[in-house]
Amino acid sequence: MTSYKDAFPSKYISAEDVKRVVRTAVTKVDFTEIEGEQKLECYFENIDKSMILNKTNATMLELISGTDQFDHWTGVKVILRREMVQFKGKLVPSVRIYEAEANPDEVTKPKPEEKKEEPVNTATEREEKRTAIDKELEKQKRETKQGEA
């Protein structure tokens, strides 16, 4: 069947493009201008469309890569997954980014990083950063719920 949406193609990944879990890797992240605002545009291996990163997905890339420097995100292996999220008080389909090593059926939030062969202070710093980000995300959820009330 043909959808009217075929007449309005987008160059950006949307929830409609992600019918299942997609394993891929970041190939490039750069600034782009959309309606007069600077946004981060992310490109992926074997995907024709790019994704405009929201704060949640950019934060996940920071957690996965261990750096907030987006020019160092190239090569990071990720999962793109369609999920229902709250937006302006309504549940809407969205695309979320997760670690590629994670089980896509169990991903709901960042998991504490396992210790790797790194100096203890680096792993500790990442865990502290992850905890701070988790707290910020929880704060945003509470503020959203309060705004809806």
N, C-alpha and C. Protein backbone atom coordinates (compact mmCIF):
# COMPACT_ATOMS: atom_id res chain seq x y z
N MET A 1 0.83 -1.18 0.00
CA MET A 1 0.00 0.00 0.00
C MET A 1 0.88 1.25 0.00
N THR A 2 0.35 2.29 -0.54
CA THR A 2 1.07 3.54 -0.61
C THR A 2 0.51 4.51 0.43
N SER A 3 1.41 5.14 1.17
CA SER A 3 1.02 6.09 2.21
C SER A 3 1.19 7.51 1.68
N TYR A 4 0.36 8.41 2.17
CA TYR A 4 0.53 9.82 1.80
C TYR A 4 1.89 10.33 2.26
N LYS A 5 2.47 9.69 3.29
CA LYS A 5 3.76 10.12 3.82
C LYS A 5 4.88 9.93 2.81
N ASP A 6 4.65 9.06 1.81
CA ASP A 6 5.64 8.86 0.74
C ASP A 6 5.83 10.14 -0.08
N ALA A 7 4.84 11.02 -0.06
CA ALA A 7 4.92 12.27 -0.80
C ALA A 7 5.71 13.34 -0.05
N PHE A 8 6.02 13.07 1.24
CA PHE A 8 6.73 14.03 2.07
C PHE A 8 7.94 13.38 2.74
N PRO A 9 8.90 12.95 1.94
CA PRO A 9 10.05 12.26 2.54
C PRO A 9 10.90 13.22 3.40
N SER A 10 11.50 12.66 4.43
CA SER A 10 12.37 13.44 5.30
C SER A 10 13.79 12.91 5.18
N LYS A 11 14.76 13.79 5.34
CA LYS A 11 16.15 13.34 5.30
C LYS A 11 16.63 12.88 6.68
N TYR A 12 15.74 12.98 7.68
CA TYR A 12 16.10 12.61 9.04
C TYR A 12 15.40 11.33 9.48
N ILE A 13 16.08 10.56 10.31
CA ILE A 13 15.52 9.34 10.87
C ILE A 13 14.35 9.70 11.78
N SER A 14 13.26 8.97 11.63
CA SER A 14 12.11 9.14 12.52
C SER A 14 11.75 7.78 13.09
N ALA A 15 10.84 7.76 14.04
CA ALA A 15 10.41 6.50 14.65
C ALA A 15 9.81 5.57 13.60
N GLU A 16 9.20 6.13 12.58
CA GLU A 16 8.62 5.30 11.52
C GLU A 16 9.69 4.55 10.73
N ASP A 17 10.91 5.06 10.73
CA ASP A 17 12.01 4.41 10.01
C ASP A 17 12.59 3.24 10.79
N VAL A 18 12.35 3.21 12.09
CA VAL A 18 12.94 2.17 12.95
C VAL A 18 11.83 1.22 13.37
N LYS A 19 11.61 0.21 12.58
CA LYS A 19 10.55 -0.77 12.85
C LYS A 19 11.04 -1.85 13.81
N ARG A 20 12.34 -1.98 13.92
CA ARG A 20 12.94 -2.99 14.77
C ARG A 20 14.21 -2.38 15.36
N VAL A 21 14.94 -3.15 16.11
CA VAL A 21 16.21 -2.69 16.65
C VAL A 21 17.22 -2.63 15.52
N VAL A 22 17.96 -1.53 15.43
CA VAL A 22 18.97 -1.37 14.38
C VAL A 22 20.34 -1.22 15.05
N ARG A 23 21.25 -2.12 14.72
CA ARG A 23 22.63 -2.03 15.21
C ARG A 23 23.45 -1.31 14.14
N THR A 24 24.20 -0.31 14.56
CA THR A 24 24.97 0.50 13.62
C THR A 24 26.13 1.16 14.36
N ALA A 25 26.81 2.06 13.70
CA ALA A 25 27.90 2.82 14.32
C ALA A 25 27.83 4.26 13.82
N VAL A 26 28.26 5.16 14.67
CA VAL A 26 28.29 6.58 14.31
C VAL A 26 29.41 6.80 13.29
N THR A 27 29.10 7.50 12.21
CA THR A 27 30.13 7.82 11.21
C THR A 27 30.53 9.29 11.24
N LYS A 28 29.63 10.14 11.75
CA LYS A 28 29.95 11.58 11.77
C LYS A 28 28.90 12.29 12.63
N VAL A 29 29.34 13.32 13.35
CA VAL A 29 28.44 14.21 14.08
C VAL A 29 28.92 15.63 13.81
N ASP A 30 27.99 16.49 13.46
CA ASP A 30 28.37 17.87 13.18
C ASP A 30 27.17 18.78 13.41
N PHE A 31 27.44 20.08 13.49
CA PHE A 31 26.36 21.05 13.64
C PHE A 31 25.64 21.23 12.31
N THR A 32 24.34 21.46 12.40
CA THR A 32 23.53 21.83 11.26
C THR A 32 22.53 22.88 11.73
N GLU A 33 22.08 23.71 10.83
CA GLU A 33 21.12 24.75 11.21
C GLU A 33 19.72 24.31 10.79
N ILE A 34 18.80 24.37 11.74
CA ILE A 34 17.40 24.04 11.48
C ILE A 34 16.56 25.17 12.05
N GLU A 35 15.82 25.82 11.17
CA GLU A 35 14.95 26.93 11.54
C GLU A 35 15.69 27.95 12.40
N GLY A 36 16.91 28.29 11.99
CA GLY A 36 17.70 29.31 12.66
C GLY A 36 18.41 28.86 13.92
N GLU A 37 18.29 27.59 14.29
CA GLU A 37 18.95 27.06 15.49
C GLU A 37 20.02 26.06 15.12
N GLN A 38 21.12 26.06 15.87
CA GLN A 38 22.18 25.07 15.69
C GLN A 38 21.79 23.78 16.39
N LYS A 39 21.82 22.67 15.66
CA LYS A 39 21.50 21.35 16.20
C LYS A 39 22.64 20.40 15.85
N LEU A 40 22.73 19.30 16.60
CA LEU A 40 23.70 18.27 16.27
C LEU A 40 23.05 17.25 15.35
N GLU A 41 23.71 16.99 14.22
CA GLU A 41 23.24 16.02 13.25
C GLU A 41 24.19 14.83 13.27
N CYS A 42 23.63 13.63 13.44
CA CYS A 42 24.43 12.41 13.58
C CYS A 42 24.17 11.49 12.39
N TYR A 43 25.24 10.97 11.80
CA TYR A 43 25.16 10.04 10.68
C TYR A 43 25.60 8.66 11.15
N PHE A 44 25.00 7.61 10.54
CA PHE A 44 25.26 6.24 10.96
C PHE A 44 25.67 5.38 9.77
N GLU A 45 26.40 4.32 10.09
CA GLU A 45 26.82 3.33 9.11
C GLU A 45 25.59 2.65 8.50
N ASN A 46 25.58 2.51 7.18
CA ASN A 46 24.53 1.78 6.45
C ASN A 46 23.12 2.33 6.63
N ILE A 47 23.00 3.60 6.98
CA ILE A 47 21.69 4.25 7.08
C ILE A 47 21.74 5.51 6.24
N ASP A 48 20.78 5.63 5.33
CA ASP A 48 20.78 6.77 4.40
C ASP A 48 20.41 8.09 5.05
N LYS A 49 19.62 8.05 6.12
CA LYS A 49 19.18 9.27 6.77
C LYS A 49 20.05 9.57 7.98
N SER A 50 20.07 10.85 8.34
CA SER A 50 20.79 11.26 9.56
C SER A 50 19.76 11.48 10.67
N MET A 51 20.26 11.73 11.88
CA MET A 51 19.39 11.95 13.03
C MET A 51 19.76 13.27 13.70
N ILE A 52 18.77 14.09 13.98
CA ILE A 52 19.00 15.28 14.77
C ILE A 52 18.97 14.83 16.23
N LEU A 53 20.06 15.04 16.94
CA LEU A 53 20.17 14.55 18.31
C LEU A 53 19.43 15.46 19.29
N ASN A 54 18.58 14.86 20.09
CA ASN A 54 18.00 15.59 21.20
C ASN A 54 18.96 15.43 22.38
N LYS A 55 18.67 16.09 23.48
CA LYS A 55 19.59 16.05 24.63
C LYS A 55 19.74 14.63 25.18
N THR A 56 18.65 13.87 25.21
CA THR A 56 18.71 12.50 25.73
C THR A 56 19.66 11.63 24.91
N ASN A 57 19.52 11.66 23.58
CA ASN A 57 20.38 10.83 22.73
C ASN A 57 21.83 11.32 22.73
N ALA A 58 22.03 12.63 22.79
CA ALA A 58 23.40 13.15 22.89
C ALA A 58 24.04 12.72 24.21
N THR A 59 23.26 12.75 25.29
CA THR A 59 23.75 12.31 26.59
C THR A 59 24.12 10.83 26.56
N MET A 60 23.30 10.02 25.89
CA MET A 60 23.61 8.59 25.77
C MET A 60 24.92 8.39 25.00
N LEU A 61 25.14 9.14 23.94
CA LEU A 61 26.40 9.02 23.19
C LEU A 61 27.58 9.43 24.07
N GLU A 62 27.38 10.43 24.91
CA GLU A 62 28.43 10.82 25.85
C GLU A 62 28.73 9.67 26.81
N LEU A 63 27.68 9.05 27.36
CA LEU A 63 27.87 7.95 28.30
C LEU A 63 28.56 6.75 27.64
N ILE A 64 28.13 6.42 26.44
CA ILE A 64 28.68 5.27 25.72
C ILE A 64 30.14 5.50 25.36
N SER A 65 30.45 6.70 24.88
CA SER A 65 31.80 6.99 24.40
C SER A 65 32.75 7.42 25.51
N GLY A 66 32.19 7.94 26.61
CA GLY A 66 33.03 8.41 27.70
C GLY A 66 33.51 9.84 27.52
N THR A 67 32.96 10.55 26.53
CA THR A 67 33.37 11.94 26.31
C THR A 67 32.19 12.76 25.80
N ASP A 68 32.19 14.04 26.16
CA ASP A 68 31.17 14.94 25.62
C ASP A 68 31.65 15.61 24.33
N GLN A 69 32.83 15.28 23.89
CA GLN A 69 33.40 15.84 22.66
C GLN A 69 32.84 15.05 21.47
N PHE A 70 31.83 15.60 20.78
CA PHE A 70 31.13 14.83 19.76
C PHE A 70 32.00 14.46 18.56
N ASP A 71 33.11 15.15 18.36
CA ASP A 71 34.00 14.76 17.27
C ASP A 71 34.74 13.45 17.58
N HIS A 72 34.61 12.96 18.83
CA HIS A 72 35.20 11.67 19.22
C HIS A 72 34.15 10.55 19.24
N TRP A 73 32.94 10.81 18.78
CA TRP A 73 31.89 9.80 18.78
C TRP A 73 31.94 8.91 17.53
N THR A 74 32.72 9.30 16.53
CA THR A 74 32.84 8.51 15.31
C THR A 74 33.33 7.11 15.66
N GLY A 75 32.66 6.10 15.13
CA GLY A 75 33.04 4.72 15.36
C GLY A 75 32.33 4.07 16.54
N VAL A 76 31.62 4.85 17.34
CA VAL A 76 30.91 4.30 18.49
C VAL A 76 29.77 3.42 17.98
N LYS A 77 29.74 2.17 18.46
CA LYS A 77 28.70 1.22 18.07
C LYS A 77 27.47 1.43 18.95
N VAL A 78 26.31 1.53 18.29
CA VAL A 78 25.07 1.84 19.00
C VAL A 78 23.91 0.98 18.50
N ILE A 79 22.85 1.03 19.28
CA ILE A 79 21.56 0.45 18.89
C ILE A 79 20.59 1.61 18.75
N LEU A 80 19.83 1.64 17.66
CA LEU A 80 18.72 2.58 17.52
C LEU A 80 17.46 1.77 17.79
N ARG A 81 16.61 2.29 18.64
CA ARG A 81 15.41 1.56 19.01
C ARG A 81 14.23 2.51 19.09
N ARG A 82 13.11 2.07 18.54
CA ARG A 82 11.88 2.85 18.60
C ARG A 82 11.26 2.66 19.99
N GLU A 83 10.86 3.79 20.61
CA GLU A 83 10.23 3.75 21.93
C GLU A 83 9.17 4.82 22.03
N MET A 84 8.22 4.60 22.90
CA MET A 84 7.21 5.61 23.20
C MET A 84 7.77 6.48 24.33
N VAL A 85 7.71 7.80 24.15
CA VAL A 85 8.22 8.73 25.14
C VAL A 85 7.18 9.83 25.37
N GLN A 86 7.30 10.51 26.51
CA GLN A 86 6.41 11.64 26.78
C GLN A 86 6.95 12.88 26.10
N PHE A 87 6.08 13.57 25.37
CA PHE A 87 6.44 14.82 24.73
C PHE A 87 5.24 15.74 24.83
N LYS A 88 5.42 16.85 25.52
CA LYS A 88 4.34 17.82 25.73
C LYS A 88 3.08 17.15 26.28
N GLY A 89 3.28 16.23 27.23
CA GLY A 89 2.16 15.60 27.90
C GLY A 89 1.52 14.44 27.17
N LYS A 90 2.07 14.05 26.02
CA LYS A 90 1.50 12.94 25.25
C LYS A 90 2.57 11.89 25.00
N LEU A 91 2.14 10.63 24.86
CA LEU A 91 3.06 9.58 24.47
C LEU A 91 3.19 9.58 22.95
N VAL A 92 4.43 9.68 22.48
CA VAL A 92 4.69 9.70 21.04
C VAL A 92 5.84 8.74 20.72
N PRO A 93 5.86 8.18 19.51
CA PRO A 93 6.98 7.32 19.13
C PRO A 93 8.24 8.16 18.92
N SER A 94 9.37 7.59 19.32
CA SER A 94 10.64 8.29 19.22
C SER A 94 11.74 7.27 18.95
N VAL A 95 12.93 7.74 18.60
CA VAL A 95 14.08 6.86 18.42
C VAL A 95 15.07 7.16 19.53
N ARG A 96 15.51 6.11 20.22
CA ARG A 96 16.49 6.24 21.29
C ARG A 96 17.76 5.50 20.91
N ILE A 97 18.87 6.01 21.45
CA ILE A 97 20.19 5.42 21.22
C ILE A 97 20.62 4.70 22.49
N TYR A 98 21.16 3.47 22.32
CA TYR A 98 21.68 2.67 23.42
C TYR A 98 23.02 2.06 23.03
N GLU A 99 23.71 1.54 24.04
CA GLU A 99 24.97 0.84 23.79
C GLU A 99 24.71 -0.40 22.95
N ALA A 100 25.58 -0.67 22.00
CA ALA A 100 25.40 -1.82 21.12
C ALA A 100 25.54 -3.13 21.87
N GLU A 101 26.30 -3.15 22.97
CA GLU A 101 26.50 -4.38 23.73
C GLU A 101 25.28 -4.74 24.55
N ALA A 102 24.37 -3.80 24.74
CA ALA A 102 23.20 -4.03 25.58
C ALA A 102 22.21 -4.96 24.87
N ASN A 103 21.44 -5.70 25.66
CA ASN A 103 20.36 -6.51 25.12
C ASN A 103 19.22 -5.55 24.77
N PRO A 104 18.85 -5.43 23.49
CA PRO A 104 17.86 -4.43 23.09
C PRO A 104 16.49 -4.62 23.74
N ASP A 105 16.19 -5.83 24.24
CA ASP A 105 14.91 -6.05 24.91
C ASP A 105 14.93 -5.58 26.35
N GLU A 106 16.12 -5.30 26.88
CA GLU A 106 16.22 -4.92 28.28
C GLU A 106 16.68 -3.48 28.48
N VAL A 107 16.93 -2.75 27.39
CA VAL A 107 17.45 -1.40 27.56
C VAL A 107 16.33 -0.44 27.95
N THR A 108 16.47 0.17 29.10
CA THR A 108 15.53 1.19 29.53
C THR A 108 16.25 2.42 30.04
N LYS A 109 17.44 2.22 30.59
CA LYS A 109 18.24 3.36 31.03
C LYS A 109 19.70 2.92 31.06
N PRO A 110 20.62 3.86 31.12
CA PRO A 110 22.03 3.50 31.16
C PRO A 110 22.32 2.61 32.36
N LYS A 111 23.14 1.60 32.15
CA LYS A 111 23.54 0.72 33.24
C LYS A 111 24.92 1.14 33.71
N PRO A 112 25.23 0.90 34.99
CA PRO A 112 26.56 1.27 35.48
C PRO A 112 27.63 0.58 34.64
N GLU A 113 28.66 1.34 34.36
CA GLU A 113 29.75 0.82 33.53
C GLU A 113 30.51 -0.27 34.26
N GLU A 114 30.77 -1.37 33.53
CA GLU A 114 31.58 -2.43 34.11
C GLU A 114 33.03 -1.97 34.11
N LYS A 115 33.78 -2.46 35.10
CA LYS A 115 35.18 -2.07 35.17
C LYS A 115 35.95 -2.70 34.04
N LYS A 116 36.76 -1.90 33.38
CA LYS A 116 37.59 -2.35 32.28
C LYS A 116 39.04 -2.14 32.69
N GLU A 117 39.93 -2.48 31.83
CA GLU A 117 41.35 -2.30 32.13
C GLU A 117 41.72 -0.84 31.93
N GLU A 118 41.25 -0.02 32.89
CA GLU A 118 41.52 1.41 32.88
C GLU A 118 41.96 1.81 34.28
N PRO A 119 42.62 2.93 34.40
CA PRO A 119 42.93 3.40 35.75
C PRO A 119 41.64 3.59 36.54
N VAL A 120 41.68 3.33 37.83
CA VAL A 120 40.49 3.40 38.68
C VAL A 120 39.86 4.78 38.62
N ASN A 121 40.69 5.84 38.60
CA ASN A 121 40.11 7.18 38.60
C ASN A 121 39.28 7.45 37.36
N THR A 122 39.65 6.91 36.17
CA THR A 122 38.87 7.14 34.95
C THR A 122 37.51 6.45 35.07
N ALA A 123 37.48 5.20 35.52
CA ALA A 123 36.21 4.49 35.69
C ALA A 123 35.35 5.19 36.75
N THR A 124 35.99 5.65 37.81
CA THR A 124 35.27 6.35 38.87
C THR A 124 34.67 7.64 38.34
N GLU A 125 35.44 8.38 37.57
CA GLU A 125 34.94 9.63 37.00
C GLU A 125 33.74 9.36 36.09
N ARG A 126 33.82 8.31 35.28
CA ARG A 126 32.69 7.98 34.39
C ARG A 126 31.46 7.60 35.20
N GLU A 127 31.64 6.83 36.25
CA GLU A 127 30.51 6.43 37.09
C GLU A 127 29.88 7.66 37.74
N GLU A 128 30.72 8.58 38.23
CA GLU A 128 30.19 9.81 38.83
C GLU A 128 29.42 10.62 37.80
N LYS A 129 29.95 10.71 36.59
CA LYS A 129 29.28 11.47 35.53
C LYS A 129 27.95 10.81 35.18
N ARG A 130 27.96 9.47 35.09
CA ARG A 130 26.74 8.73 34.77
C ARG A 130 25.69 8.94 35.86
N THR A 131 26.10 8.91 37.12
CA THR A 131 25.18 9.14 38.23
C THR A 131 24.60 10.55 38.16
N ALA A 132 25.44 11.52 37.87
CA ALA A 132 24.97 12.90 37.75
C ALA A 132 23.97 13.04 36.61
N ILE A 133 24.23 12.37 35.49
CA ILE A 133 23.31 12.43 34.35
C ILE A 133 22.00 11.74 34.69
N ASP A 134 22.07 10.58 35.37
CA ASP A 134 20.85 9.89 35.80
C ASP A 134 20.00 10.80 36.69
N LYS A 135 20.66 11.50 37.62
CA LYS A 135 19.94 12.41 38.51
C LYS A 135 19.29 13.54 37.72
N GLU A 136 20.01 14.07 36.73
CA GLU A 136 19.47 15.15 35.91
C GLU A 136 18.26 14.67 35.11
N LEU A 137 18.35 13.45 34.55
CA LEU A 137 17.22 12.91 33.79
C LEU A 137 16.01 12.71 34.70
N GLU A 138 16.22 12.21 35.92
CA GLU A 138 15.13 12.05 36.87
C GLU A 138 14.51 13.40 37.23
N LYS A 139 15.36 14.42 37.41
CA LYS A 139 14.88 15.77 37.72
C LYS A 139 14.00 16.28 36.57
N GLN A 140 14.46 16.07 35.32
CA GLN A 140 13.68 16.51 34.17
C GLN A 140 12.33 15.79 34.11
N LYS A 141 12.31 14.49 34.44
CA LYS A 141 11.06 13.74 34.45
C LYS A 141 10.10 14.32 35.49
N ARG A 142 10.63 14.61 36.70
CA ARG A 142 9.78 15.18 37.75
C ARG A 142 9.22 16.53 37.33
N GLU A 143 10.08 17.37 36.72
CA GLU A 143 9.63 18.69 36.28
C GLU A 143 8.57 18.57 35.21
N THR A 144 8.73 17.59 34.31
CA THR A 144 7.74 17.37 33.26
C THR A 144 6.41 16.96 33.87
N LYS A 145 6.46 16.03 34.84
CA LYS A 145 5.23 15.59 35.50
C LYS A 145 4.56 16.74 36.25
N GLN A 146 5.36 17.60 36.90
CA GLN A 146 4.80 18.74 37.62
C GLN A 146 4.16 19.73 36.65
N GLY A 147 4.78 19.90 35.48
CA GLY A 147 4.25 20.81 34.48
C GLY A 147 2.94 20.32 33.89
N GLU A 148 2.75 19.00 33.90
CA GLU A 148 1.52 18.42 33.35
C GLU A 148 0.38 18.53 34.35
N ALA A 149 0.72 18.61 35.63
CA ALA A 149 -0.32 18.63 36.69
C ALA A 149 -1.05 19.94 36.75
